[in-house]
Amino acid sequence: MKTVHLELIHEGEHCIPCVYMALVVTEVAPDYGNAVSWEKVIITQKKGALRFDELAQKLGRLPPVPSIFIDSELVFDTTPGPEILREVLDRMVQR
């Protein structure tokens, strides 16, 4: 089983779509134990802004906020339901 890293592009708690996307990730990610690591990339903080810029350079455009990157690839630009996120993570950890 492969370990995957999920990054949630997040503006802050004032961003309701960001909060909803974070709820989906916090519901699903623990089911995978060590197979899925994840973090919020908070773009209003220096570390998050730098990572956001790295992802934008790789993507060739600004990533949507919120969005989900898995292993540095944009996977969701809108909030997935928990079942859809599980389907994607199931496939990715089995690679």
Protein backbone atom coordinates (compact mmCIF):
# COMPACT_ATOMS: atom_id res chain seq x y z
CA MET A 1 0.00 0.00 0.00
CA LYS A 2 1.28 3.42 -0.98
CA THR A 3 1.25 6.48 1.29
CA VAL A 4 -0.31 9.56 -0.26
CA HIS A 5 -0.14 13.18 0.86
CA LEU A 6 -3.23 15.35 0.64
CA GLU A 7 -3.02 19.13 0.75
CA LEU A 8 -6.13 21.17 1.37
CA ILE A 9 -5.81 24.68 -0.08
CA HIS A 10 -7.53 26.78 2.58
CA GLU A 11 -7.94 30.53 3.00
CA GLY A 12 -9.12 30.55 6.61
CA GLU A 13 -12.11 29.89 8.81
CA HIS A 14 -13.93 32.90 7.32
CA CYS A 15 -14.09 31.02 4.00
CA ILE A 16 -17.21 28.85 4.24
CA PRO A 17 -16.36 26.67 1.19
CA CYS A 18 -12.93 26.06 2.77
CA VAL A 19 -14.57 25.00 6.03
CA TYR A 20 -16.87 22.57 4.20
CA MET A 21 -14.01 21.03 2.27
CA ALA A 22 -12.01 20.67 5.49
CA LEU A 23 -14.95 18.86 7.11
CA VAL A 24 -14.95 16.28 4.32
CA VAL A 25 -11.19 15.73 4.64
CA THR A 26 -11.31 15.44 8.44
CA GLU A 27 -14.14 12.93 8.14
CA VAL A 28 -12.42 10.70 5.58
CA ALA A 29 -8.64 10.92 6.11
CA PRO A 30 -8.52 9.22 9.53
CA ASP A 31 -10.03 6.06 7.97
CA TYR A 32 -6.74 5.54 6.11
CA GLY A 33 -4.38 5.61 9.08
CA ASN A 34 -0.77 6.06 7.96
CA ALA A 35 -1.68 5.55 4.29
CA VAL A 36 -2.89 9.17 4.02
CA SER A 37 -1.15 12.18 5.49
CA TRP A 38 -2.76 15.56 5.10
CA GLU A 39 -2.38 19.21 5.92
CA LYS A 40 -4.14 22.52 5.46
CA VAL A 41 -2.21 24.88 3.24
CA ILE A 42 -3.42 28.15 4.73
CA ILE A 43 -2.68 30.67 2.02
CA THR A 44 -2.98 33.68 4.34
CA GLN A 45 0.08 32.51 6.29
CA LYS A 46 3.63 32.76 4.93
CA LYS A 47 4.34 29.00 4.80
CA GLY A 48 1.01 28.33 3.10
CA ALA A 49 1.45 31.20 0.66
CA LEU A 50 4.84 29.83 -0.39
CA ARG A 51 3.41 26.33 -0.91
CA PHE A 52 0.44 27.78 -2.80
CA ASP A 53 2.91 29.55 -5.10
CA GLU A 54 4.84 26.29 -5.68
CA LEU A 55 1.63 24.47 -6.59
CA ALA A 56 0.57 27.35 -8.86
CA GLN A 57 3.91 27.24 -10.69
CA LYS A 58 3.55 23.50 -11.25
CA LEU A 59 -0.10 23.82 -12.29
CA GLY A 60 0.57 26.77 -14.58
CA ARG A 61 -2.19 28.86 -12.98
CA LEU A 62 -3.51 29.80 -9.59
CA PRO A 63 -5.21 26.85 -7.92
CA PRO A 64 -8.83 27.34 -6.87
CA VAL A 65 -9.53 28.09 -3.23
CA PRO A 66 -10.50 25.74 -1.77
CA SER A 67 -9.07 22.75 -3.58
CA ILE A 68 -7.44 19.43 -2.84
CA PHE A 69 -4.06 18.34 -4.13
CA ILE A 70 -2.93 14.76 -3.71
CA ASP A 71 0.77 14.10 -4.17
CA SER A 72 1.12 17.64 -5.56
CA GLU A 73 -1.52 17.11 -8.27
CA LEU A 74 -4.82 19.02 -8.35
CA VAL A 75 -7.52 16.41 -7.79
CA PHE A 76 -10.55 18.41 -6.62
CA ASP A 77 -11.36 22.00 -7.49
CA THR A 78 -14.78 21.75 -5.83
CA THR A 79 -15.78 20.07 -2.58
CA PRO A 80 -16.24 16.33 -3.09
CA GLY A 81 -18.66 14.32 -1.03
CA PRO A 82 -17.04 11.94 1.46
CA GLU A 83 -17.81 8.91 -0.74
CA ILE A 84 -16.12 10.47 -3.78
CA LEU A 85 -13.02 11.39 -1.77
CA ARG A 86 -12.91 7.81 -0.45
CA GLU A 87 -13.13 6.39 -3.99
CA VAL A 88 -10.17 8.50 -5.12
CA LEU A 89 -8.09 7.74 -2.02
CA ASP A 90 -8.86 4.02 -2.32
CA ARG A 91 -7.47 4.04 -5.87
CA MET A 92 -4.42 6.12 -4.98
CA VAL A 93 -3.29 4.13 -1.93
CA GLN A 94 -3.55 0.89 -3.94
CA ARG A 95 -1.12 2.09 -6.65
